[in-house]
Every structure is written in structure tokens, then in C-alpha cells.
Amino acid sequence: KKLMAIFARVRSSASLFAVLFACHALHGKAILSSSHVFSNHKGGCGKTTILFHTAGEYASRHKDEKILVLDTTLRGDLSELLLGGDKQAAGKQAVQAVTPFASTTRLFMLAAAASAAHAEHNSGVTNPLTAIVGAMFGTEGGRKPSEIDLEKSVVKCSSFNRKVPENVYLCPGGSGPQTSYPKQQRVEVAEALRKALEESKDTWKVFVDSDGDQGFSDYTKIAHALCDCVVIPLKTNVNDFSNRCVPMLEELYTMRVAGGARARI
């Protein structure tokens, strides 16, 4: 509403500059333009394929934004497509080379650590072992990391696959077994990631791929807690809709009621 009121008064280039300045003031340094998770309990319904093309097309049309693709799947098919395609195993080899250094599992762990550090700071209570353990892992002063360095947690896809737009960044999946998180920690991980994206100097658009199964994995639940919207690809199959999509909608509704999901369909 504030922006609409400002735009209504634009009469000159000077006024337009004022509008742009006002936009910057309202949004801060940058914005999280939007975030979408592609989700369905049915595997093979097109989540990964549609996300792959959507992210590439969006990136081509919005070169002033950084596109972050989070792959929360066990197989990492989307990561393989983005980092080299499915020909001659180039994508698979790239994922195997990258995931020891950057992965969704690693990013979620960093977010959990940042959230815990923030909570500890606010409580004023410190654990005497924190400094000792932190020093073992090379953190400054032995402290837990209170901020997430997004640039060090993702890879630029065009460095591996020149056909992908240069503003597409990937946090790969397919890095091995996934970490389990209780409900409250899942929400905290999602909030820490949103905070990092919203406070970044860049403007980010987020796309998240998720596993298709008979229930949400913890990583998929974090994705639903992180994202504003959920895109549900469907097949024209009544059984798939009744046996997979309807239970998914019920689980998502239960999560929303319990405060564990942000995403709206």
C-alpha cells in the first residue's frame, strides 16, 4: 500500500528516483523476492523437471536477481541436471565433487548452529564447552557461527555447466544420508535461512526441489517452513490424486495448523 501511494505521485524522473529510493528504504538492503517449493507425495510427477526449466527461464528474465536452487532430495537429480546434465555422467561426477564442500545437509547444519548461537546470545546463558568445541572446529574465538555465509554454502552452476544462466546458484542434494530434525528445530532452521536471505546484500529468488514419498521427509518439512508458496505438479490420474496428493494436502494442513509450515498452495 505504501508503494502504491508513492507510485501514484510520480510525475518526473526526479520523482521516479524518489520512488526507487523509497523502495530501497522499505525493503532494506535487499529482498527475498519470493520462494517456491515444488512438492508432491507422488514421485515422477514432474517436480524436478518443471523446477529445472522454471528456474532457468526465471533467471534469464531476471538477471538482476540471484536464483538460489535448494535440492533437498536424497538422489540429487536436479543437482546433476544443473551441474552438467544427464549425458556421460557429467552431472553426477560434478555433484560427487561438490557435495563434500557444499550441500543442503551442510547448509541446514549451519542454519541450526546459527539459530542456536542466536538463542544462546539472547538468553545470556553460555555453555562452558562451547568455546572448547568451537575452537576444535576452527570458529573465531570458539564461538558458534551466528550468521550464514550464503556465498560459501552454494555453487555457481555456470562454473560447471555453461548452458545454465550465470545468476543461478545451487545448494546440492544427493550428498548422502539426511539429518533428522525435531519440529521446533526445523522451524528454527527455516527462519535462520530466511533471515540470511533477507539480510543479504543481494536479491534472491528461491526454488526448492523435494522428494516424492508417502510422507514428508524432515528436509521437505524445512522447505515448507522456509518457502512462501508450494507448487504441486499433478498427473491426470485419479488414483495418483486420491492416494498421494490428497494425503499430502492433509499433511500440509496439519503442519500449518501446528505452526510447522509457511508455504501456501
Protein backbone atom coordinates (compact mmCIF):
# COMPACT_ATOMS: atom_id res chain seq x y z
CA LYS A 1 0.00 0.00 0.00
CA LYS A 2 2.84 2.39 0.81
CA LEU A 3 4.49 1.72 -2.55
CA MET A 4 1.21 2.20 -4.44
CA ALA A 5 0.70 5.55 -2.76
CA ILE A 6 4.22 6.61 -3.74
CA PHE A 7 3.84 5.48 -7.36
CA ALA A 8 0.59 7.44 -7.67
CA ARG A 9 2.56 10.66 -7.13
CA VAL A 10 5.25 10.00 -9.75
CA ARG A 11 5.40 12.90 -12.25
CA SER A 12 9.06 13.14 -13.28
CA SER A 13 12.38 11.32 -13.39
CA ALA A 14 13.24 13.00 -10.10
CA SER A 15 10.08 11.57 -8.61
CA LEU A 16 10.96 8.17 -10.04
CA PHE A 17 14.32 8.36 -8.30
CA ALA A 18 12.45 9.12 -5.08
CA VAL A 19 10.29 6.05 -5.64
CA LEU A 20 13.34 3.83 -6.13
CA PHE A 21 14.91 5.27 -3.01
CA ALA A 22 11.68 4.65 -1.09
CA CYS A 23 11.58 1.05 -2.32
CA HIS A 24 15.11 0.57 -1.05
CA ALA A 25 14.23 2.13 2.28
CA LEU A 26 11.15 -0.06 2.69
CA HIS A 27 12.89 -3.29 1.81
CA GLY A 28 16.29 -2.65 3.38
CA LYS A 29 19.49 -3.65 1.63
CA ALA A 30 17.80 -6.29 -0.50
CA ILE A 31 14.75 -8.53 -0.56
CA LEU A 32 13.82 -12.15 -0.77
CA SER A 33 11.63 -11.68 -3.82
CA SER A 34 9.78 -14.98 -3.38
CA SER A 35 10.33 -18.64 -2.58
CA HIS A 36 8.65 -21.73 -4.02
CA VAL A 37 8.92 -25.39 -3.06
CA PHE A 38 7.87 -27.97 -5.65
CA SER A 39 6.24 -30.78 -3.73
CA ASN A 40 4.01 -33.85 -4.05
CA HIS A 41 3.90 -37.22 -2.33
CA LYS A 42 3.85 -38.73 -5.83
CA GLY A 43 7.27 -39.35 -7.36
CA GLY A 44 7.71 -38.88 -11.10
CA CYS A 45 5.02 -36.21 -11.40
CA GLY A 46 7.40 -33.60 -12.85
CA LYS A 47 8.64 -31.64 -9.82
CA THR A 48 12.32 -31.75 -10.76
CA THR A 49 11.80 -31.20 -14.50
CA ILE A 50 9.39 -28.29 -14.08
CA LEU A 51 11.61 -26.66 -11.45
CA PHE A 52 14.68 -27.04 -13.68
CA HIS A 53 13.03 -25.21 -16.59
CA THR A 54 11.29 -22.65 -14.38
CA ALA A 55 14.49 -21.67 -12.58
CA GLY A 56 16.40 -21.32 -15.87
CA GLU A 57 13.67 -19.25 -17.52
CA TYR A 58 13.23 -17.02 -14.48
CA ALA A 59 16.99 -16.46 -14.25
CA SER A 60 17.15 -15.48 -17.94
CA ARG A 61 14.38 -12.91 -17.47
CA HIS A 62 15.61 -11.50 -14.13
CA LYS A 63 19.35 -11.03 -14.49
CA ASP A 64 19.39 -8.54 -11.61
CA GLU A 65 18.38 -11.27 -9.15
CA LYS A 66 20.28 -14.25 -7.83
CA ILE A 67 18.43 -17.52 -8.19
CA LEU A 68 19.02 -19.99 -5.37
CA VAL A 69 18.04 -23.61 -6.03
CA LEU A 70 17.91 -25.82 -2.94
CA ASP A 71 17.93 -29.54 -3.69
CA THR A 72 16.55 -31.30 -0.62
CA THR A 73 16.29 -34.72 -2.29
CA LEU A 74 18.21 -37.87 -1.49
CA ARG A 75 19.07 -38.65 -5.12
CA GLY A 76 20.07 -35.14 -6.18
CA ASP A 77 18.67 -35.45 -9.72
CA LEU A 78 18.15 -31.69 -10.02
CA SER A 79 21.72 -31.04 -8.88
CA GLU A 80 23.02 -33.37 -11.58
CA LEU A 81 20.95 -31.59 -14.26
CA LEU A 82 22.17 -28.15 -13.21
CA LEU A 83 25.83 -29.09 -12.85
CA GLY A 84 26.30 -30.93 -16.11
CA GLY A 85 23.19 -32.64 -17.37
CA ASP A 86 22.47 -36.35 -17.58
CA LYS A 87 24.79 -37.09 -20.51
CA GLN A 88 28.00 -39.06 -19.96
CA ALA A 89 27.53 -38.81 -16.16
CA ALA A 90 28.99 -35.28 -16.12
CA GLY A 91 26.38 -34.03 -13.67
CA LYS A 92 26.81 -36.98 -11.32
CA GLN A 93 30.57 -36.52 -11.23
CA ALA A 94 30.19 -32.81 -10.51
CA VAL A 95 27.78 -33.49 -7.63
CA GLN A 96 30.16 -36.03 -6.13
CA ALA A 97 32.98 -33.48 -6.33
CA VAL A 98 30.97 -30.59 -4.86
CA THR A 99 28.91 -32.11 -2.04
CA PRO A 100 31.83 -32.62 0.39
CA PHE A 101 32.12 -28.81 0.44
CA ALA A 102 28.59 -27.52 -0.25
CA SER A 103 25.30 -29.35 0.23
CA THR A 104 21.81 -28.86 1.60
CA THR A 105 22.73 -31.05 4.57
CA ARG A 106 25.67 -28.78 5.35
CA LEU A 107 23.57 -25.62 4.89
CA PHE A 108 20.86 -26.88 7.25
CA MET A 109 23.51 -27.69 9.86
CA LEU A 110 24.92 -24.17 9.55
CA ALA A 111 21.42 -22.74 9.92
CA ALA A 112 20.80 -24.86 13.02
CA ALA A 113 24.11 -23.69 14.53
CA ALA A 114 23.31 -20.05 13.73
CA SER A 115 19.88 -20.36 15.31
CA ALA A 116 21.34 -21.97 18.44
CA ALA A 117 24.01 -19.25 18.71
CA HIS A 118 21.36 -16.55 18.41
CA ALA A 119 19.20 -18.20 21.10
CA GLU A 120 22.21 -18.60 23.41
CA HIS A 121 23.17 -14.96 22.96
CA ASN A 122 19.64 -13.77 23.75
CA SER A 123 19.36 -15.98 26.83
CA GLY A 124 22.63 -14.74 28.31
CA VAL A 125 23.48 -18.31 29.33
CA THR A 126 26.62 -19.81 27.86
CA ASN A 127 27.76 -23.40 27.76
CA PRO A 128 31.37 -23.69 29.05
CA LEU A 129 32.07 -26.42 26.48
CA THR A 130 31.02 -24.21 23.54
CA ALA A 131 34.35 -22.38 23.32
CA ILE A 132 36.33 -25.62 23.61
CA VAL A 133 34.35 -27.47 20.92
CA GLY A 134 34.17 -24.35 18.74
CA ALA A 135 37.94 -23.97 18.86
CA MET A 136 38.30 -27.58 17.73
CA PHE A 137 36.31 -26.73 14.60
CA GLY A 138 38.18 -23.52 13.93
CA THR A 139 35.48 -20.96 14.70
CA GLU A 140 36.60 -17.48 15.73
CA GLY A 141 37.09 -17.33 19.48
CA GLY A 142 35.45 -20.73 19.76
CA ARG A 143 32.02 -19.21 19.18
CA LYS A 144 29.17 -20.79 17.23
CA PRO A 145 28.60 -19.14 13.84
CA SER A 146 25.77 -16.61 14.31
CA GLU A 147 25.48 -15.84 10.59
CA ILE A 148 25.22 -17.97 7.46
CA ASP A 149 27.61 -17.15 4.64
CA LEU A 150 25.44 -17.94 1.62
CA GLU A 151 28.23 -17.42 -0.89
CA LYS A 152 30.28 -20.18 0.75
CA SER A 153 27.31 -22.52 1.02
CA VAL A 154 26.32 -22.66 -2.66
CA VAL A 155 27.95 -23.21 -6.05
CA LYS A 156 27.57 -21.16 -9.22
CA CYS A 157 26.07 -23.55 -11.75
CA SER A 158 27.61 -21.91 -14.81
CA SER A 159 31.07 -22.77 -13.46
CA PHE A 160 30.19 -26.39 -14.27
CA ASN A 161 27.50 -26.05 -16.92
CA ARG A 162 27.78 -23.11 -19.32
CA LYS A 163 24.22 -23.59 -20.55
CA VAL A 164 22.82 -22.51 -17.19
CA PRO A 165 22.41 -18.71 -16.66
CA GLU A 166 25.19 -17.12 -14.63
CA ASN A 167 22.85 -15.94 -11.87
CA VAL A 168 21.76 -19.47 -10.88
CA TYR A 169 23.28 -20.85 -7.66
CA LEU A 170 22.80 -24.34 -6.28
CA CYS A 171 22.90 -25.91 -2.85
CA PRO A 172 23.18 -29.54 -3.96
CA GLY A 173 21.31 -32.60 -2.78
CA GLY A 174 22.37 -36.20 -3.13
CA SER A 175 25.12 -35.87 -0.53
CA GLY A 176 24.21 -38.99 1.44
CA PRO A 177 22.05 -39.74 4.49
CA GLN A 178 19.90 -36.84 5.69
CA THR A 179 19.97 -35.41 9.21
CA SER A 180 16.82 -35.68 11.34
CA TYR A 181 15.40 -32.55 12.98
CA PRO A 182 12.60 -32.24 15.55
CA LYS A 183 9.72 -29.92 14.66
CA GLN A 184 10.89 -26.83 16.55
CA GLN A 185 14.40 -27.11 15.16
CA ARG A 186 13.03 -27.46 11.63
CA VAL A 187 11.21 -24.16 12.05
CA GLU A 188 14.34 -22.55 13.51
CA VAL A 189 16.47 -23.77 10.59
CA ALA A 190 13.96 -22.31 8.12
CA GLU A 191 13.82 -18.99 9.96
CA ALA A 192 17.62 -18.75 10.09
CA LEU A 193 17.79 -19.33 6.32
CA ARG A 194 15.11 -16.71 5.62
CA LYS A 195 16.97 -14.25 7.84
CA ALA A 196 20.21 -14.86 5.92
CA LEU A 197 18.44 -14.37 2.57
CA GLU A 198 16.56 -11.25 3.67
CA GLU A 199 19.67 -9.64 5.16
CA SER A 200 21.88 -10.43 2.17
CA LYS A 201 23.21 -7.59 0.04
CA ASP A 202 21.67 -9.34 -2.99
CA THR A 203 18.10 -10.01 -4.04
CA TRP A 204 17.32 -13.72 -4.03
CA LYS A 205 14.61 -15.83 -5.65
CA VAL A 206 14.41 -19.33 -4.15
CA PHE A 207 13.28 -22.59 -5.74
CA VAL A 208 13.31 -25.82 -3.72
CA ASP A 209 13.06 -29.38 -5.01
CA SER A 210 11.70 -32.08 -2.69
CA ASP A 211 11.34 -35.84 -2.54
CA GLY A 212 8.15 -37.61 -3.56
CA ASP A 213 7.17 -40.17 -0.93
CA GLN A 214 4.18 -41.23 1.16
CA GLY A 215 5.15 -38.63 3.76
CA PHE A 216 7.29 -35.53 4.05
CA SER A 217 10.94 -36.01 4.97
CA ASP A 218 12.42 -33.62 7.52
CA TYR A 219 14.18 -31.77 4.69
CA THR A 220 10.89 -31.36 2.83
CA LYS A 221 9.28 -30.09 6.03
CA ILE A 222 12.06 -27.49 6.37
CA ALA A 223 11.37 -26.46 2.77
CA HIS A 224 7.68 -25.95 3.56
CA ALA A 225 8.62 -23.90 6.62
CA LEU A 226 11.03 -21.78 4.55
CA CYS A 227 9.05 -21.06 1.39
CA ASP A 228 6.12 -18.74 0.77
CA CYS A 229 4.45 -20.96 -1.83
CA VAL A 230 4.17 -24.63 -2.73
CA VAL A 231 3.77 -25.73 -6.35
CA ILE A 232 2.09 -29.13 -6.72
CA PRO A 233 2.63 -30.75 -10.14
CA LEU A 234 -0.16 -33.21 -10.92
CA LYS A 235 -0.71 -36.06 -13.35
CA THR A 236 -4.11 -36.68 -14.93
CA ASN A 237 -4.56 -39.81 -12.88
CA VAL A 238 -7.36 -40.13 -10.35
CA ASN A 239 -5.54 -42.77 -8.31
CA ASP A 240 -2.40 -40.64 -8.01
CA PHE A 241 -4.51 -37.69 -6.89
CA SER A 242 -6.51 -39.70 -4.35
CA ASN A 243 -3.68 -41.83 -2.98
CA ARG A 244 -0.82 -39.33 -2.96
CA CYS A 245 -1.92 -35.72 -3.47
CA VAL A 246 -4.87 -35.71 -1.05
CA PRO A 247 -2.79 -37.22 1.81
CA MET A 248 -0.12 -34.61 1.06
CA LEU A 249 -2.67 -31.80 1.35
CA GLU A 250 -3.85 -33.24 4.66
CA GLU A 251 -0.29 -33.46 6.00
CA LEU A 252 0.47 -29.92 4.84
CA TYR A 253 -2.70 -28.63 6.52
CA THR A 254 -1.73 -30.37 9.78
CA MET A 255 1.73 -28.81 9.60
CA ARG A 256 0.27 -25.33 9.01
CA VAL A 257 -2.11 -25.66 11.96
CA ALA A 258 0.78 -26.73 14.19
CA GLY A 259 2.95 -23.81 13.02
CA GLY A 260 5.39 -26.00 11.12
CA ALA A 261 4.74 -24.70 7.60
CA ARG A 262 4.66 -21.29 5.93
CA ALA A 263 4.03 -22.32 2.32
CA ARG A 264 0.63 -21.76 0.73
CA ILE A 265 -0.57 -23.60 -2.37
